[in-house]
C-alpha atoms as a PDB file:
ATOM      1  CA  MET A   1      36.542   2.218  27.451  1.00  0.00           C
ATOM      2  CA  SER A   2      39.564   4.125  27.099  1.00  0.00           C
ATOM      3  CA  GLU A   3      40.154   7.669  28.083  1.00  0.00           C
ATOM      4  CA  ASP A   4      41.498   8.550  24.505  1.00  0.00           C
ATOM      5  CA  ARG A   5      38.345   7.460  22.932  1.00  0.00           C
ATOM      6  CA  GLY A   6      36.729  10.954  23.244  1.00  0.00           C
ATOM      7  CA  LEU A   7      39.557  12.789  21.524  1.00  0.00           C
ATOM      8  CA  ASP A   8      38.505  10.585  18.284  1.00  0.00           C
ATOM      9  CA  THR A   9      35.322  12.033  18.050  1.00  0.00           C
ATOM     10  CA  THR A  10      34.448  14.874  15.382  1.00  0.00           C
ATOM     11  CA  ARG A  11      33.764  18.171  16.607  1.00  0.00           C
ATOM     12  CA  PRO A  12      30.921  20.061  14.811  1.00  0.00           C
ATOM     13  CA  PRO A  13      32.279  22.896  12.512  1.00  0.00           C
ATOM     14  CA  GLN A  14      32.962  26.207  14.197  1.00  0.00           C
ATOM     15  CA  ARG A  15      30.621  28.911  13.086  1.00  0.00           C
ATOM     16  CA  MET A  16      33.046  31.632  11.555  1.00  0.00           C
ATOM     17  CA  LEU A  17      30.343  34.478  11.007  1.00  0.00           C
ATOM     18  CA  ARG A  18      27.564  36.346  13.023  1.00  0.00           C
ATOM     19  CA  ASP A  19      24.247  35.240  11.740  1.00  0.00           C
ATOM     20  CA  ALA A  20      23.216  38.637  10.463  1.00  0.00           C
ATOM     21  CA  GLU A  21      23.726  39.635   6.773  1.00  0.00           C
ATOM     22  CA  PRO A  22      25.762  43.024   6.432  1.00  0.00           C
ATOM     23  CA  SER A  23      22.765  45.289   6.513  1.00  0.00           C
ATOM     24  CA  GLU A  24      21.338  43.442   9.524  1.00  0.00           C
ATOM     25  CA  LEU A  25      24.798  43.687  11.466  1.00  0.00           C
ATOM     26  CA  PHE A  26      24.749  47.396  10.662  1.00  0.00           C
ATOM     27  CA  ALA A  27      21.175  47.707  12.405  1.00  0.00           C
ATOM     28  CA  ALA A  28      22.269  45.268  15.348  1.00  0.00           C
ATOM     29  CA  ILE A  29      25.212  46.853  16.368  1.00  0.00           C
ATOM     30  CA  PRO A  30      25.383  50.690  15.768  1.00  0.00           C
ATOM     31  CA  GLN A  31      29.162  51.122  16.578  1.00  0.00           C
ATOM     32  CA  LEU A  32      29.975  49.212  13.255  1.00  0.00           C
ATOM     33  CA  GLY A  33      28.055  52.109  11.412  1.00  0.00           C
ATOM     34  CA  ASP A  34      30.363  54.754  13.294  1.00  0.00           C
ATOM     35  CA  LEU A  35      33.365  53.136  12.145  1.00  0.00           C
ATOM     36  CA  VAL A  36      32.555  52.027   8.404  1.00  0.00           C
ATOM     37  CA  LYS A  37      31.140  54.815   6.323  1.00  0.00           C
ATOM     38  CA  LEU A  38      30.315  52.655   2.844  1.00  0.00           C
ATOM     39  CA  ARG A  39      26.818  51.111   3.549  1.00  0.00           C
ATOM     40  CA  PRO A  40      25.947  47.528   2.396  1.00  0.00           C
ATOM     41  CA  ARG A  41      23.365  47.158  -0.158  1.00  0.00           C
ATOM     42  CA  HIS A  42      19.950  45.613   0.942  1.00  0.00           C
ATOM     43  CA  ASP A  43      20.407  42.219  -0.657  1.00  0.00           C
ATOM     44  CA  GLU A  44      24.441  42.099  -0.412  1.00  0.00           C
ATOM     45  CA  ASN A  45      26.029  39.272   1.397  1.00  0.00           C
ATOM     46  CA  GLY A  46      29.233  39.660   3.643  1.00  0.00           C
ATOM     47  CA  LEU A  47      31.923  38.320   0.773  1.00  0.00           C
ATOM     48  CA  HIS A  48      30.448  40.834  -1.680  1.00  0.00           C
ATOM     49  CA  PHE A  49      30.499  43.709   0.890  1.00  0.00           C
ATOM     50  CA  LEU A  50      33.803  42.821   1.830  1.00  0.00           C
ATOM     51  CA  ALA A  51      34.884  42.953  -1.723  1.00  0.00           C
ATOM     52  CA  ARG A  52      33.423  46.302  -2.014  1.00  0.00           C
ATOM     53  CA  LEU A  53      35.203  47.657   1.228  1.00  0.00           C
ATOM     54  CA  ARG A  54      38.492  46.369  -0.067  1.00  0.00           C
ATOM     55  CA  ALA A  55      38.177  48.183  -3.437  1.00  0.00           C
ATOM     56  CA  SER A  56      37.135  51.246  -2.054  1.00  0.00           C
ATOM     57  CA  THR A  57      39.327  54.250  -1.080  1.00  0.00           C
ATOM     58  CA  THR A  58      39.558  53.111   2.523  1.00  0.00           C
ATOM     59  CA  PRO A  59      40.292  49.442   2.402  1.00  0.00           C
ATOM     60  CA  GLU A  60      41.020  49.533   6.105  1.00  0.00           C
ATOM     61  CA  GLU A  61      37.116  49.776   6.516  1.00  0.00           C
ATOM     62  CA  ALA A  62      37.294  45.900   5.252  1.00  0.00           C
ATOM     63  CA  VAL A  63      39.207  44.924   8.429  1.00  0.00           C
ATOM     64  CA  THR A  64      36.923  46.833  10.650  1.00  0.00           C
ATOM     65  CA  PHE A  65      33.884  45.034   8.987  1.00  0.00           C
ATOM     66  CA  THR A  66      35.519  41.778   9.443  1.00  0.00           C
ATOM     67  CA  SER A  67      36.154  42.400  13.188  1.00  0.00           C
ATOM     68  CA  PHE A  68      32.205  42.974  13.686  1.00  0.00           C
ATOM     69  CA  ALA A  69      31.146  40.249  11.160  1.00  0.00           C
ATOM     70  CA  ALA A  70      33.143  37.166  12.217  1.00  0.00           C
ATOM     71  CA  SER A  71      31.842  35.196  15.623  1.00  0.00           C
ATOM     72  CA  PRO A  72      33.908  36.418  18.481  1.00  0.00           C
ATOM     73  CA  SER A  73      36.134  33.468  18.634  1.00  0.00           C
ATOM     74  CA  ALA A  74      36.815  33.255  15.042  1.00  0.00           C
ATOM     75  CA  ALA A  75      37.578  36.930  14.752  1.00  0.00           C
ATOM     76  CA  ALA A  76      40.096  36.453  17.524  1.00  0.00           C
ATOM     77  CA  GLY A  77      41.768  33.704  15.689  1.00  0.00           C
ATOM     78  CA  TRP A  78      41.786  35.883  12.486  1.00  0.00           C
ATOM     79  CA  GLY A  79      43.249  38.897  14.690  1.00  0.00           C
ATOM     80  CA  TYR A  80      45.912  36.540  16.001  1.00  0.00           C
ATOM     81  CA  GLU A  81      47.053  35.466  12.489  1.00  0.00           C
ATOM     82  CA  CYS A  82      47.110  39.078  11.260  1.00  0.00           C
ATOM     83  CA  LEU A  83      49.603  39.992  14.226  1.00  0.00           C
ATOM     84  CA  ARG A  84      51.541  36.690  13.663  1.00  0.00           C
ATOM     85  CA  LEU A  85      52.075  37.749  10.128  1.00  0.00           C
ATOM     86  CA  MET A  86      53.463  41.058  11.394  1.00  0.00           C
ATOM     87  CA  ALA A  87      55.458  39.436  14.173  1.00  0.00           C
ATOM     88  CA  ASP A  88      58.682  41.467  13.233  1.00  0.00           C
ATOM     89  CA  HIS A  89      56.585  44.671  13.802  1.00  0.00           C
ATOM     90  CA  LEU A  90      55.793  43.485  17.641  1.00  0.00           C
ATOM     91  CA  GLN A  91      57.941  44.542  20.489  1.00  0.00           C
ATOM     92  CA  ALA A  92      59.598  41.828  22.554  1.00  0.00           C
ATOM     93  CA  HIS A  93      57.525  42.436  25.489  1.00  0.00           C
ATOM     94  CA  GLU A  94      54.458  41.678  23.344  1.00  0.00           C
ATOM     95  CA  ARG A  95      55.573  37.928  22.817  1.00  0.00           C
ATOM     96  CA  PRO A  96      54.411  36.434  25.963  1.00  0.00           C
ATOM     97  CA  MET A  97      50.704  37.636  25.413  1.00  0.00           C
ATOM     98  CA  MET A  98      50.926  36.322  22.049  1.00  0.00           C
ATOM     99  CA  GLU A  99      51.848  32.917  23.316  1.00  0.00           C
ATOM    100  CA  SER A 100      49.118  32.773  25.833  1.00  0.00           C
ATOM    101  CA  ILE A 101      46.585  33.790  23.167  1.00  0.00           C
ATOM    102  CA  ALA A 102      47.908  31.309  20.684  1.00  0.00           C
ATOM    103  CA  THR A 103      47.654  28.617  23.681  1.00  0.00           C
ATOM    104  CA  TRP A 104      44.010  29.797  24.237  1.00  0.00           C
ATOM    105  CA  LEU A 105      43.211  29.535  20.607  1.00  0.00           C
ATOM    106  CA  ALA A 106      44.464  25.894  20.351  1.00  0.00           C
ATOM    107  CA  ALA A 107      42.745  24.991  23.867  1.00  0.00           C
ATOM    108  CA  PRO A 108      40.149  27.638  24.863  1.00  0.00           C
ATOM    109  CA  SER A 109      39.417  27.668  28.654  1.00  0.00           C
ATOM    110  CA  THR A 110      37.812  30.034  30.644  1.00  0.00           C
ATOM    111  CA  ARG A 111      40.233  30.227  33.221  1.00  0.00           C
ATOM    112  CA  LEU A 112      42.967  30.973  30.465  1.00  0.00           C
ATOM    113  CA  ARG A 113      40.921  33.563  28.937  1.00  0.00           C
ATOM    114  CA  HIS A 114      40.500  35.400  32.580  1.00  0.00           C
ATOM    115  CA  GLU A 115      44.023  35.532  33.081  1.00  0.00           C
ATOM    116  CA  ILE A 116      44.429  36.802  29.443  1.00  0.00           C
ATOM    117  CA  MET A 117      41.932  39.551  30.330  1.00  0.00           C
ATOM    118  CA  ARG A 118      43.355  40.412  33.927  1.00  0.00           C
ATOM    119  CA  GLU A 119      46.959  40.864  32.261  1.00  0.00           C
ATOM    120  CA  ALA A 120      45.496  43.049  29.436  1.00  0.00           C
ATOM    121  CA  LEU A 121      43.448  45.261  31.768  1.00  0.00           C
ATOM    122  CA  TRP A 122      46.530  45.808  34.199  1.00  0.00           C
ATOM    123  CA  ALA A 123      49.016  46.513  30.971  1.00  0.00           C
ATOM    124  CA  PRO A 124      50.734  49.532  31.277  1.00  0.00           C
ATOM    125  CA  SER A 125      50.148  50.301  27.308  1.00  0.00           C
ATOM    126  CA  ARG A 126      47.494  49.507  24.729  1.00  0.00           C
ATOM    127  CA  SER A 127      49.826  47.599  22.275  1.00  0.00           C
ATOM    128  CA  PRO A 128      48.451  45.525  19.569  1.00  0.00           C
ATOM    129  CA  SER A 129      48.786  42.345  21.553  1.00  0.00           C
ATOM    130  CA  ILE A 130      47.060  43.952  24.510  1.00  0.00           C
ATOM    131  CA  LEU A 131      44.215  45.067  22.331  1.00  0.00           C
ATOM    132  CA  LEU A 132      43.855  41.494  20.800  1.00  0.00           C
ATOM    133  CA  ALA A 133      43.932  39.996  24.443  1.00  0.00           C
ATOM    134  CA  LEU A 134      41.148  42.417  25.361  1.00  0.00           C
ATOM    135  CA  ALA A 135      39.082  41.055  22.342  1.00  0.00           C
ATOM    136  CA  VAL A 136      39.951  37.556  23.632  1.00  0.00           C
ATOM    137  CA  GLY A 137      38.717  38.480  27.170  1.00  0.00           C
ATOM    138  CA  TRP A 138      35.481  39.641  25.827  1.00  0.00           C
ATOM    139  CA  SER A 139      34.988  37.268  23.040  1.00  0.00           C
ATOM    140  CA  THR A 140      33.146  34.166  25.104  1.00  0.00           C
ATOM    141  CA  GLY A 141      31.553  34.865  28.100  1.00  0.00           C
ATOM    142  CA  GLY A 142      32.081  37.287  31.263  1.00  0.00           C
ATOM    143  CA  PRO A 143      35.523  38.807  31.319  1.00  0.00           C
ATOM    144  CA  ALA A 144      36.277  37.600  35.065  1.00  0.00           C
ATOM    145  CA  PRO A 145      35.098  34.851  37.350  1.00  0.00           C
ATOM    146  CA  ASN A 146      32.986  37.436  39.278  1.00  0.00           C
ATOM    147  CA  ASP A 147      31.316  39.120  36.331  1.00  0.00           C
ATOM    148  CA  PRO A 148      29.398  36.346  34.601  1.00  0.00           C
ATOM    149  CA  GLU A 149      27.599  39.013  32.377  1.00  0.00           C
ATOM    150  CA  ARG A 150      28.651  38.719  28.773  1.00  0.00           C
ATOM    151  CA  ALA A 151      30.075  41.842  27.172  1.00  0.00           C
ATOM    152  CA  PRO A 152      28.261  44.005  24.756  1.00  0.00           C
ATOM    153  CA  PRO A 153      28.547  42.859  21.230  1.00  0.00           C
ATOM    154  CA  HIS A 154      30.444  45.734  19.992  1.00  0.00           C
ATOM    155  CA  LYS A 155      33.560  45.254  22.599  1.00  0.00           C
ATOM    156  CA  THR A 156      35.280  42.345  21.123  1.00  0.00           C
ATOM    157  CA  PRO A 157      35.244  43.730  17.408  1.00  0.00           C
ATOM    158  CA  VAL A 158      36.159  47.216  18.613  1.00  0.00           C
ATOM    159  CA  ALA A 159      39.359  45.870  20.195  1.00  0.00           C
ATOM    160  CA  LEU A 160      40.193  43.525  17.555  1.00  0.00           C
ATOM    161  CA  ASN A 161      39.865  46.237  15.105  1.00  0.00           C
ATOM    162  CA  SER A 162      42.109  48.309  17.079  1.00  0.00           C
ATOM    163  CA  ALA A 163      44.667  45.565  17.543  1.00  0.00           C
ATOM    164  CA  VAL A 164      44.967  44.784  13.776  1.00  0.00           C
ATOM    165  CA  LEU A 165      45.103  48.461  12.445  1.00  0.00           C
ATOM    166  CA  SER A 166      47.597  49.618  15.169  1.00  0.00           C
ATOM    167  CA  CYS A 167      49.817  46.828  14.058  1.00  0.00           C
ATOM    168  CA  LEU A 168      49.332  47.850  10.511  1.00  0.00           C
ATOM    169  CA  ALA A 169      50.308  51.244  11.504  1.00  0.00           C
ATOM    170  CA  ARG A 170      53.500  50.081  12.494  1.00  0.00           C
ATOM    171  CA  ALA A 171      54.574  48.830   9.073  1.00  0.00           C
ATOM    172  CA  ASP A 172      56.672  51.182   6.836  1.00  0.00           C
ATOM    173  CA  LEU A 173      54.085  52.944   4.565  1.00  0.00           C
ATOM    174  CA  SER A 174      55.533  51.160   1.323  1.00  0.00           C
ATOM    175  CA  ARG A 175      54.479  47.925   2.994  1.00  0.00           C
ATOM    176  CA  ARG A 176      51.270  48.643   4.639  1.00  0.00           C
ATOM    177  CA  SER A 177      49.252  47.556   1.328  1.00  0.00           C
ATOM    178  CA  PHE A 178      51.027  44.037   1.224  1.00  0.00           C
ATOM    179  CA  TYR A 179      50.294  43.592   5.040  1.00  0.00           C
ATOM    180  CA  LEU A 180      46.676  44.524   4.414  1.00  0.00           C
ATOM    181  CA  ALA A 181      46.036  42.527   1.278  1.00  0.00           C
ATOM    182  CA  ARG A 182      47.108  39.277   3.392  1.00  0.00           C
ATOM    183  CA  PHE A 183      44.769  40.283   6.246  1.00  0.00           C
ATOM    184  CA  LEU A 184      41.748  40.597   3.734  1.00  0.00           C
ATOM    185  CA  ASP A 185      42.571  37.221   2.126  1.00  0.00           C
ATOM    186  CA  MET A 186      42.548  35.759   5.541  1.00  0.00           C
ATOM    187  CA  ALA A 187      39.219  37.353   6.046  1.00  0.00           C
ATOM    188  CA  GLU A 188      37.826  36.262   2.716  1.00  0.00           C
ATOM    189  CA  ALA A 189      38.356  32.556   3.855  1.00  0.00           C
ATOM    190  CA  LEU A 190      36.361  33.352   6.935  1.00  0.00           C
ATOM    191  CA  PHE A 191      33.250  34.327   4.649  1.00  0.00           C
ATOM    192  CA  ARG A 192      33.935  31.809   2.229  1.00  0.00           C
ATOM    193  CA  ALA A 193      33.735  29.106   5.035  1.00  0.00           C
ATOM    194  CA  TYR A 194      30.462  30.286   6.068  1.00  0.00           C
END
C-alpha cells in the first residue's frame, strides 16, 4: 500500500460550535456574561442570538459571542481570517506570527502550537496577532509540553475577542462598521455550518 493512500481518505467534518445553546453557554462560562450585556432568550439558537447582537446598539458584542460560541480551533481560524482581512492595519513585526498561525491552521501540530504560545508569552506587547497567538496556544490542549492541563474554557475566547476587537479599533472610525460587518458575515457562516 502506498504512503499517499492515507492522504486520500475523507476526514470527518470539524465541529464549528460548542455544543451548548446560547443560554447554556452563558451559564457554563460566566466570563461571557461579564462581556456581553444582552442575554439570549431561553429557546433562542446561536444564529438568531448573533443576529440580535448584530442589530443591537453594541454590535461588537456579536464578536464576543462568536469568540465564545465557536469551538476553540474554529474560533482561532475565524479570528485569523478577521485579522487577515485587516492585514493593512497590522504592523510589520506582526506578520511572522500571522504566518506561524496560518501554518498551524493548515496543519495543526502540538509542537507548533507550543512554539506559537512561547513566542506570544514572551512578546514585548499584546498586539492583535499576539493576542490571537495566545488564543491558539490555549485552544486545543496544554499551553506547554510540561503543562498538559487544558486551559479554562474562557481563556481562548477572551484572547480571541481581544485580538479581533483591538484590530478593529485600529481602523479609521469611518471604516470600522465595514470591517465589523465582514467579521460578522464570516461568523454567521460558522453558525450556519452547525
